[in-house]
Structures are given as C-alpha cells and as structure tokens.
Amino acid sequence: TGYWIPVPGEINSARLPAYHALDVQLLKRWEFRKWGIAIFLEVMNAYNHYNVADIYYIEDYSDYEYMPFFGILPSFGVIADF
C-alpha cells in the first residue's frame, strides 16, 4: 500500500533517558501590617543538562529523534499578598 504501520511493543518496553535538572531561586520578602510583597529571581535547569521531552519517529519508523526540553530558563517576578 505504500504506507508504514508501526507495530507497538510491550507496555513499558522502552524508556526515555533519565531526567535531571538543578533549579535555583532567590527570594526577598517584605512584610507590612496587612500585606506583604516579595521579589524573586529563578533559574531552571541551571547547569543546562540536555533532557528529553518526547520521541519523534521519521515517516517510515526506521529511526527517531529526541525532542529536548528547554535549556537554561531564567525568570523573575513579584508576589504580593493581601
């Protein structure tokens, strides 16, 4: 027919590579009588480890590629409590 049909293996017969990351956050908080405020700076995956999110197979299922998670992801913000 010209179409490729994958033949699935047993459940859990394959695994993605191990995931690990180091997330770091600095937080400074100020408290007032009826409310508080905080600022933060966060770095996710601080040492930029290559983590796999998913697998993409090519059209004929003869090979695959890994789809990576993000690399280093910095963020900052403000939190207000009332």
PDB file of N, CA and C in Angstrom:
ATOM      1  N   THR A   1       0.809  -1.200   0.000  1.00  0.00           N
ATOM      2  CA  THR A   1       0.000   0.000   0.000  1.00  0.00           C
ATOM      3  C   THR A   1       0.852   1.264   0.000  1.00  0.00           C
ATOM      4  N   GLY A   2       2.115   1.152   0.321  1.00  0.00           N
ATOM      5  CA  GLY A   2       2.976   2.324   0.376  1.00  0.00           C
ATOM      6  C   GLY A   2       2.932   3.053   1.710  1.00  0.00           C
ATOM      7  N   TYR A   3       2.186   2.521   2.674  1.00  0.00           N
ATOM      8  CA  TYR A   3       2.102   3.142   3.990  1.00  0.00           C
ATOM      9  C   TYR A   3       2.814   2.276   5.017  1.00  0.00           C
ATOM     10  N   TRP A   4       3.434   2.922   5.969  1.00  0.00           N
ATOM     11  CA  TRP A   4       4.101   2.211   7.054  1.00  0.00           C
ATOM     12  C   TRP A   4       3.165   2.163   8.250  1.00  0.00           C
ATOM     13  N   ILE A   5       3.063   1.017   8.847  1.00  0.00           N
ATOM     14  CA  ILE A   5       2.222   0.849  10.027  1.00  0.00           C
ATOM     15  C   ILE A   5       3.119   0.364  11.162  1.00  0.00           C
ATOM     16  N   PRO A   6       3.209   1.145  12.244  1.00  0.00           N
ATOM     17  CA  PRO A   6       4.084   0.727  13.345  1.00  0.00           C
ATOM     18  C   PRO A   6       3.500  -0.479  14.076  1.00  0.00           C
ATOM     19  N   VAL A   7       4.381  -1.316  14.556  1.00  0.00           N
ATOM     20  CA  VAL A   7       3.976  -2.458  15.378  1.00  0.00           C
ATOM     21  C   VAL A   7       4.415  -2.145  16.797  1.00  0.00           C
ATOM     22  N   PRO A   8       3.470  -1.829  17.677  1.00  0.00           N
ATOM     23  CA  PRO A   8       3.863  -1.428  19.033  1.00  0.00           C
ATOM     24  C   PRO A   8       4.450  -2.595  19.818  1.00  0.00           C
ATOM     25  N   GLY A   9       5.403  -2.264  20.681  1.00  0.00           N
ATOM     26  CA  GLY A   9       5.997  -3.267  21.557  1.00  0.00           C
ATOM     27  C   GLY A   9       5.173  -3.413  22.814  1.00  0.00           C
ATOM     28  N   GLU A  10       5.699  -4.152  23.752  1.00  0.00           N
ATOM     29  CA  GLU A  10       5.016  -4.337  25.023  1.00  0.00           C
ATOM     30  C   GLU A  10       4.992  -3.017  25.797  1.00  0.00           C
ATOM     31  N   ILE A  11       4.030  -2.870  26.686  1.00  0.00           N
ATOM     32  CA  ILE A  11       3.938  -1.670  27.505  1.00  0.00           C
ATOM     33  C   ILE A  11       5.195  -1.540  28.357  1.00  0.00           C
ATOM     34  N   ASN A  12       5.746  -0.345  28.398  1.00  0.00           N
ATOM     35  CA  ASN A  12       6.964  -0.020  29.159  1.00  0.00           C
ATOM     36  C   ASN A  12       8.190  -0.794  28.681  1.00  0.00           C
ATOM     37  N   SER A  13       8.235  -1.169  27.409  1.00  0.00           N
ATOM     38  CA  SER A  13       9.396  -1.894  26.889  1.00  0.00           C
ATOM     39  C   SER A  13      10.527  -0.946  26.499  1.00  0.00           C
ATOM     40  N   ALA A  14      10.276   0.360  26.513  1.00  0.00           N
ATOM     41  CA  ALA A  14      11.307   1.351  26.202  1.00  0.00           C
ATOM     42  C   ALA A  14      11.159   2.524  27.163  1.00  0.00           C
ATOM     43  N   ARG A  15      12.251   3.181  27.431  1.00  0.00           N
ATOM     44  CA  ARG A  15      12.253   4.305  28.360  1.00  0.00           C
ATOM     45  C   ARG A  15      12.984   5.493  27.740  1.00  0.00           C
ATOM     46  N   LEU A  16      12.589   6.690  28.157  1.00  0.00           N
ATOM     47  CA  LEU A  16      13.340   7.884  27.805  1.00  0.00           C
ATOM     48  C   LEU A  16      14.569   7.954  28.702  1.00  0.00           C
ATOM     49  N   PRO A  17      15.603   8.684  28.278  1.00  0.00           N
ATOM     50  CA  PRO A  17      16.764   8.849  29.152  1.00  0.00           C
ATOM     51  C   PRO A  17      16.372   9.544  30.462  1.00  0.00           C
ATOM     52  N   ALA A  18      17.161   9.338  31.496  1.00  0.00           N
ATOM     53  CA  ALA A  18      16.874   9.920  32.808  1.00  0.00           C
ATOM     54  C   ALA A  18      16.826  11.442  32.731  1.00  0.00           C
ATOM     55  N   TYR A  19      15.891  12.028  33.480  1.00  0.00           N
ATOM     56  CA  TYR A  19      15.720  13.471  33.537  1.00  0.00           C
ATOM     57  C   TYR A  19      16.310  13.976  34.850  1.00  0.00           C
ATOM     58  N   HIS A  20      17.123  14.998  34.768  1.00  0.00           N
ATOM     59  CA  HIS A  20      17.545  15.682  35.989  1.00  0.00           C
ATOM     60  C   HIS A  20      17.912  17.122  35.656  1.00  0.00           C
ATOM     61  N   ALA A  21      17.666  17.992  36.623  1.00  0.00           N
ATOM     62  CA  ALA A  21      17.932  19.418  36.447  1.00  0.00           C
ATOM     63  C   ALA A  21      18.118  20.045  37.823  1.00  0.00           C
ATOM     64  N   LEU A  22      18.814  21.159  37.844  1.00  0.00           N
ATOM     65  CA  LEU A  22      19.011  21.916  39.072  1.00  0.00           C
ATOM     66  C   LEU A  22      18.281  23.242  38.925  1.00  0.00           C
ATOM     67  N   ASP A  23      17.305  23.496  39.793  1.00  0.00           N
ATOM     68  CA  ASP A  23      16.554  24.744  39.795  1.00  0.00           C
ATOM     69  C   ASP A  23      16.972  25.547  41.025  1.00  0.00           C
ATOM     70  N   VAL A  24      17.251  26.841  40.820  1.00  0.00           N
ATOM     71  CA  VAL A  24      17.721  27.715  41.894  1.00  0.00           C
ATOM     72  C   VAL A  24      16.813  28.937  41.948  1.00  0.00           C
ATOM     73  N   GLN A  25      16.454  29.366  43.178  1.00  0.00           N
ATOM     74  CA  GLN A  25      15.608  30.548  43.327  1.00  0.00           C
ATOM     75  C   GLN A  25      16.109  31.404  44.487  1.00  0.00           C
ATOM     76  N   LEU A  26      16.184  32.721  44.242  1.00  0.00           N
ATOM     77  CA  LEU A  26      16.469  33.699  45.280  1.00  0.00           C
ATOM     78  C   LEU A  26      15.178  34.464  45.527  1.00  0.00           C
ATOM     79  N   LEU A  27      14.819  34.642  46.801  1.00  0.00           N
ATOM     80  CA  LEU A  27      13.561  35.286  47.155  1.00  0.00           C
ATOM     81  C   LEU A  27      13.813  36.283  48.280  1.00  0.00           C
ATOM     82  N   LYS A  28      13.302  37.493  48.129  1.00  0.00           N
ATOM     83  CA  LYS A  28      13.380  38.516  49.178  1.00  0.00           C
ATOM     84  C   LYS A  28      11.959  38.969  49.479  1.00  0.00           C
ATOM     85  N   ARG A  29      11.591  38.895  50.782  1.00  0.00           N
ATOM     86  CA  ARG A  29      10.221  39.207  51.195  1.00  0.00           C
ATOM     87  C   ARG A  29      10.220  40.377  52.170  1.00  0.00           C
ATOM     88  N   TRP A  30       9.200  41.253  52.033  1.00  0.00           N
ATOM     89  CA  TRP A  30       8.956  42.348  52.962  1.00  0.00           C
ATOM     90  C   TRP A  30       7.539  42.202  53.491  1.00  0.00           C
ATOM     91  N   GLU A  31       7.386  42.268  54.814  1.00  0.00           N
ATOM     92  CA  GLU A  31       6.074  42.142  55.449  1.00  0.00           C
ATOM     93  C   GLU A  31       5.654  43.499  56.014  1.00  0.00           C
ATOM     94  N   PHE A  32       4.407  43.874  55.774  1.00  0.00           N
ATOM     95  CA  PHE A  32       3.818  45.092  56.311  1.00  0.00           C
ATOM     96  C   PHE A  32       2.635  44.694  57.181  1.00  0.00           C
ATOM     97  N   ARG A  33       1.883  45.660  57.705  1.00  0.00           N
ATOM     98  CA  ARG A  33       0.795  45.334  58.638  1.00  0.00           C
ATOM     99  C   ARG A  33      -0.234  44.375  58.049  1.00  0.00           C
ATOM    100  N   LYS A  34      -0.788  44.710  56.908  1.00  0.00           N
ATOM    101  CA  LYS A  34      -1.867  43.890  56.330  1.00  0.00           C
ATOM    102  C   LYS A  34      -1.510  43.256  54.996  1.00  0.00           C
ATOM    103  N   TRP A  35      -0.294  43.411  54.545  1.00  0.00           N
ATOM    104  CA  TRP A  35       0.080  42.836  53.258  1.00  0.00           C
ATOM    105  C   TRP A  35       1.585  42.600  53.217  1.00  0.00           C
ATOM    106  N   GLY A  36       2.012  41.896  52.221  1.00  0.00           N
ATOM    107  CA  GLY A  36       3.424  41.606  52.038  1.00  0.00           C
ATOM    108  C   GLY A  36       3.764  41.611  50.553  1.00  0.00           C
ATOM    109  N   ILE A  37       5.026  41.752  50.283  1.00  0.00           N
ATOM    110  CA  ILE A  37       5.485  41.738  48.896  1.00  0.00           C
ATOM    111  C   ILE A  37       6.806  40.979  48.839  1.00  0.00           C
ATOM    112  N   ALA A  38       7.043  40.311  47.740  1.00  0.00           N
ATOM    113  CA  ALA A  38       8.286  39.557  47.553  1.00  0.00           C
ATOM    114  C   ALA A  38       8.727  39.697  46.103  1.00  0.00           C
ATOM    115  N   ILE A  39      10.030  39.674  45.902  1.00  0.00           N
ATOM    116  CA  ILE A  39      10.585  39.608  44.551  1.00  0.00           C
ATOM    117  C   ILE A  39      11.423  38.340  44.471  1.00  0.00           C
ATOM    118  N   PHE A  40      11.489  37.768  43.291  1.00  0.00           N
ATOM    119  CA  PHE A  40      12.281  36.548  43.144  1.00  0.00           C
ATOM    120  C   PHE A  40      13.009  36.528  41.810  1.00  0.00           C
ATOM    121  N   LEU A  41      14.104  35.804  41.797  1.00  0.00           N
ATOM    122  CA  LEU A  41      14.879  35.511  40.592  1.00  0.00           C
ATOM    123  C   LEU A  41      15.083  34.008  40.586  1.00  0.00           C
ATOM    124  N   GLU A  42      14.726  33.349  39.485  1.00  0.00           N
ATOM    125  CA  GLU A  42      14.791  31.892  39.408  1.00  0.00           C
ATOM    126  C   GLU A  42      15.524  31.472  38.139  1.00  0.00           C
ATOM    127  N   VAL A  43      16.319  30.428  38.258  1.00  0.00           N
ATOM    128  CA  VAL A  43      16.990  29.831  37.098  1.00  0.00           C
ATOM    129  C   VAL A  43      16.645  28.348  37.102  1.00  0.00           C
ATOM    130  N   MET A  44      15.932  27.908  36.070  1.00  0.00           N
ATOM    131  CA  MET A  44      15.588  26.484  35.929  1.00  0.00           C
ATOM    132  C   MET A  44      16.616  25.817  35.028  1.00  0.00           C
ATOM    133  N   ASN A  45      16.967  24.575  35.349  1.00  0.00           N
ATOM    134  CA  ASN A  45      17.982  23.802  34.634  1.00  0.00           C
ATOM    135  C   ASN A  45      19.297  24.593  34.598  1.00  0.00           C
ATOM    136  N   ALA A  46      19.768  24.979  35.775  1.00  0.00           N
ATOM    137  CA  ALA A  46      20.900  25.897  35.912  1.00  0.00           C
ATOM    138  C   ALA A  46      22.172  25.402  35.223  1.00  0.00           C
ATOM    139  N   TYR A  47      22.420  24.113  35.166  1.00  0.00           N
ATOM    140  CA  TYR A  47      23.637  23.636  34.506  1.00  0.00           C
ATOM    141  C   TYR A  47      23.381  23.131  33.091  1.00  0.00           C
ATOM    142  N   ASN A  48      22.217  23.468  32.534  1.00  0.00           N
ATOM    143  CA  ASN A  48      21.901  23.251  31.122  1.00  0.00           C
ATOM    144  C   ASN A  48      22.039  21.794  30.676  1.00  0.00           C
ATOM    145  N   HIS A  49      21.529  20.869  31.470  1.00  0.00           N
ATOM    146  CA  HIS A  49      21.562  19.452  31.099  1.00  0.00           C
ATOM    147  C   HIS A  49      20.553  19.182  29.983  1.00  0.00           C
ATOM    148  N   TYR A  50      20.918  18.357  29.019  1.00  0.00           N
ATOM    149  CA  TYR A  50      20.037  18.005  27.900  1.00  0.00           C
ATOM    150  C   TYR A  50      19.027  16.970  28.391  1.00  0.00           C
ATOM    151  N   ASN A  51      17.767  17.387  28.531  1.00  0.00           N
ATOM    152  CA  ASN A  51      16.696  16.491  28.964  1.00  0.00           C
ATOM    153  C   ASN A  51      15.747  16.232  27.809  1.00  0.00           C
ATOM    154  N   VAL A  52      15.263  15.005  27.707  1.00  0.00           N
ATOM    155  CA  VAL A  52      14.401  14.595  26.601  1.00  0.00           C
ATOM    156  C   VAL A  52      12.935  14.712  27.017  1.00  0.00           C
ATOM    157  N   ALA A  53      12.131  15.402  26.188  1.00  0.00           N
ATOM    158  CA  ALA A  53      10.702  15.567  26.449  1.00  0.00           C
ATOM    159  C   ALA A  53       9.872  14.508  25.727  1.00  0.00           C
ATOM    160  N   ASP A  54      10.275  14.134  24.519  1.00  0.00           N
ATOM    161  CA  ASP A  54       9.478  13.206  23.715  1.00  0.00           C
ATOM    162  C   ASP A  54      10.341  12.609  22.612  1.00  0.00           C
ATOM    163  N   ILE A  55       9.797  11.630  21.909  1.00  0.00           N
ATOM    164  CA  ILE A  55      10.467  10.997  20.772  1.00  0.00           C
ATOM    165  C   ILE A  55       9.634  11.246  19.524  1.00  0.00           C
ATOM    166  N   TYR A  56      10.282  11.661  18.454  1.00  0.00           N
ATOM    167  CA  TYR A  56       9.625  11.805  17.148  1.00  0.00           C
ATOM    168  C   TYR A  56      10.202  10.769  16.192  1.00  0.00           C
ATOM    169  N   TYR A  57       9.330   9.968  15.601  1.00  0.00           N
ATOM    170  CA  TYR A  57       9.766   8.964  14.633  1.00  0.00           C
ATOM    171  C   TYR A  57       9.673   9.540  13.225  1.00  0.00           C
ATOM    172  N   ILE A  58      10.611   9.147  12.356  1.00  0.00           N
ATOM    173  CA  ILE A  58      10.513   9.586  10.969  1.00  0.00           C
ATOM    174  C   ILE A  58       9.402   8.791  10.278  1.00  0.00           C
ATOM    175  N   GLU A  59       9.053   9.168   9.084  1.00  0.00           N
ATOM    176  CA  GLU A  59       7.858   8.658   8.408  1.00  0.00           C
ATOM    177  C   GLU A  59       7.782   7.138   8.319  1.00  0.00           C
ATOM    178  N   ASP A  60       8.900   6.471   8.052  1.00  0.00           N
ATOM    179  CA  ASP A  60       8.857   5.011   7.912  1.00  0.00           C
ATOM    180  C   ASP A  60       9.193   4.269   9.214  1.00  0.00           C
ATOM    181  N   TYR A  61       9.290   4.984  10.316  1.00  0.00           N
ATOM    182  CA  TYR A  61       9.546   4.421  11.645  1.00  0.00           C
ATOM    183  C   TYR A  61      10.874   3.672  11.743  1.00  0.00           C
ATOM    184  N   SER A  62      11.803   3.953  10.848  1.00  0.00           N
ATOM    185  CA  SER A  62      13.085   3.269  10.903  1.00  0.00           C
ATOM    186  C   SER A  62      14.080   3.964  11.840  1.00  0.00           C
ATOM    187  N   ASP A  63      13.787   5.199  12.201  1.00  0.00           N
ATOM    188  CA  ASP A  63      14.682   5.944  13.084  1.00  0.00           C
ATOM    189  C   ASP A  63      13.859   6.982  13.852  1.00  0.00           C
ATOM    190  N   TYR A  64      14.454   7.580  14.852  1.00  0.00           N
ATOM    191  CA  TYR A  64      13.745   8.560  15.661  1.00  0.00           C
ATOM    192  C   TYR A  64      14.699   9.667  16.084  1.00  0.00           C
ATOM    193  N   GLU A  65      14.115  10.767  16.555  1.00  0.00           N
ATOM    194  CA  GLU A  65      14.868  11.882  17.117  1.00  0.00           C
ATOM    195  C   GLU A  65      14.248  12.251  18.452  1.00  0.00           C
ATOM    196  N   TYR A  66      15.079  12.725  19.358  1.00  0.00           N
ATOM    197  CA  TYR A  66      14.576  13.202  20.645  1.00  0.00           C
ATOM    198  C   TYR A  66      14.169  14.663  20.534  1.00  0.00           C
ATOM    199  N   MET A  67      13.061  15.017  21.182  1.00  0.00           N
ATOM    200  CA  MET A  67      12.667  16.413  21.304  1.00  0.00           C
ATOM    201  C   MET A  67      13.103  16.872  22.690  1.00  0.00           C
ATOM    202  N   PRO A  68      13.979  17.868  22.774  1.00  0.00           N
ATOM    203  CA  PRO A  68      14.503  18.268  24.081  1.00  0.00           C
ATOM    204  C   PRO A  68      13.565  19.213  24.831  1.00  0.00           C
ATOM    205  N   PHE A  69      13.705  19.209  26.171  1.00  0.00           N
ATOM    206  CA  PHE A  69      13.104  20.243  26.993  1.00  0.00           C
ATOM    207  C   PHE A  69      13.920  21.510  26.794  1.00  0.00           C
ATOM    208  N   PHE A  70      13.491  22.589  27.395  1.00  0.00           N
ATOM    209  CA  PHE A  70      14.216  23.846  27.307  1.00  0.00           C
ATOM    210  C   PHE A  70      15.576  23.715  27.980  1.00  0.00           C
ATOM    211  N   GLY A  71      16.468  24.622  27.628  1.00  0.00           N
ATOM    212  CA  GLY A  71      17.773  24.680  28.280  1.00  0.00           C
ATOM    213  C   GLY A  71      17.665  25.512  29.549  1.00  0.00           C
ATOM    214  N   ILE A  72      18.601  26.405  29.762  1.00  0.00           N
ATOM    215  CA  ILE A  72      18.552  27.294  30.917  1.00  0.00           C
ATOM    216  C   ILE A  72      17.378  28.248  30.739  1.00  0.00           C
ATOM    217  N   LEU A  73      16.551  28.375  31.781  1.00  0.00           N
ATOM    218  CA  LEU A  73      15.371  29.236  31.700  1.00  0.00           C
ATOM    219  C   LEU A  73      15.340  30.172  32.904  1.00  0.00           C
ATOM    220  N   PRO A  74      15.816  31.420  32.721  1.00  0.00           N
ATOM    221  CA  PRO A  74      15.751  32.371  33.827  1.00  0.00           C
ATOM    222  C   PRO A  74      14.377  33.047  33.873  1.00  0.00           C
ATOM    223  N   SER A  75      13.946  33.422  35.079  1.00  0.00           N
ATOM    224  CA  SER A  75      12.704  34.173  35.224  1.00  0.00           C
ATOM    225  C   SER A  75      12.784  35.017  36.483  1.00  0.00           C
ATOM    226  N   PHE A  76      11.947  36.032  36.544  1.00  0.00           N
ATOM    227  CA  PHE A  76      11.878  36.882  37.729  1.00  0.00           C
ATOM    228  C   PHE A  76      10.442  37.330  37.893  1.00  0.00           C
ATOM    229  N   GLY A  77      10.107  37.802  39.087  1.00  0.00           N
ATOM    230  CA  GLY A  77       8.750  38.235  39.295  1.00  0.00           C
ATOM    231  C   GLY A  77       8.535  38.888  40.641  1.00  0.00           C
ATOM    232  N   VAL A  78       7.309  39.317  40.840  1.00  0.00           N
ATOM    233  CA  VAL A  78       6.878  39.972  42.069  1.00  0.00           C
ATOM    234  C   VAL A  78       5.644  39.231  42.580  1.00  0.00           C
ATOM    235  N   ILE A  79       5.608  39.002  43.891  1.00  0.00           N
ATOM    236  CA  ILE A  79       4.467  38.344  44.521  1.00  0.00           C
ATOM    237  C   ILE A  79       3.921  39.290  45.588  1.00  0.00           C
ATOM    238  N   ALA A  80       2.629  39.557  45.536  1.00  0.00           N
ATOM    239  CA  ALA A  80       2.009  40.408  46.540  1.00  0.00           C
ATOM    240  C   ALA A  80       0.948  39.606  47.289  1.00  0.00           C
ATOM    241  N   ASP A  81       0.952  39.698  48.619  1.00  0.00           N
ATOM    242  CA  ASP A  81      -0.031  39.019  49.468  1.00  0.00           C
ATOM    243  C   ASP A  81      -0.872  40.070  50.163  1.00  0.00           C
ATOM    244  N   PHE A  82      -2.208  39.902  50.091  1.00  0.00           N
ATOM    245  CA  PHE A  82      -3.118  40.837  50.741  1.00  0.00           C
ATOM    246  C   PHE A  82      -3.907  40.132  51.813  1.00  0.00           C
TER     247      PHE A  82
END
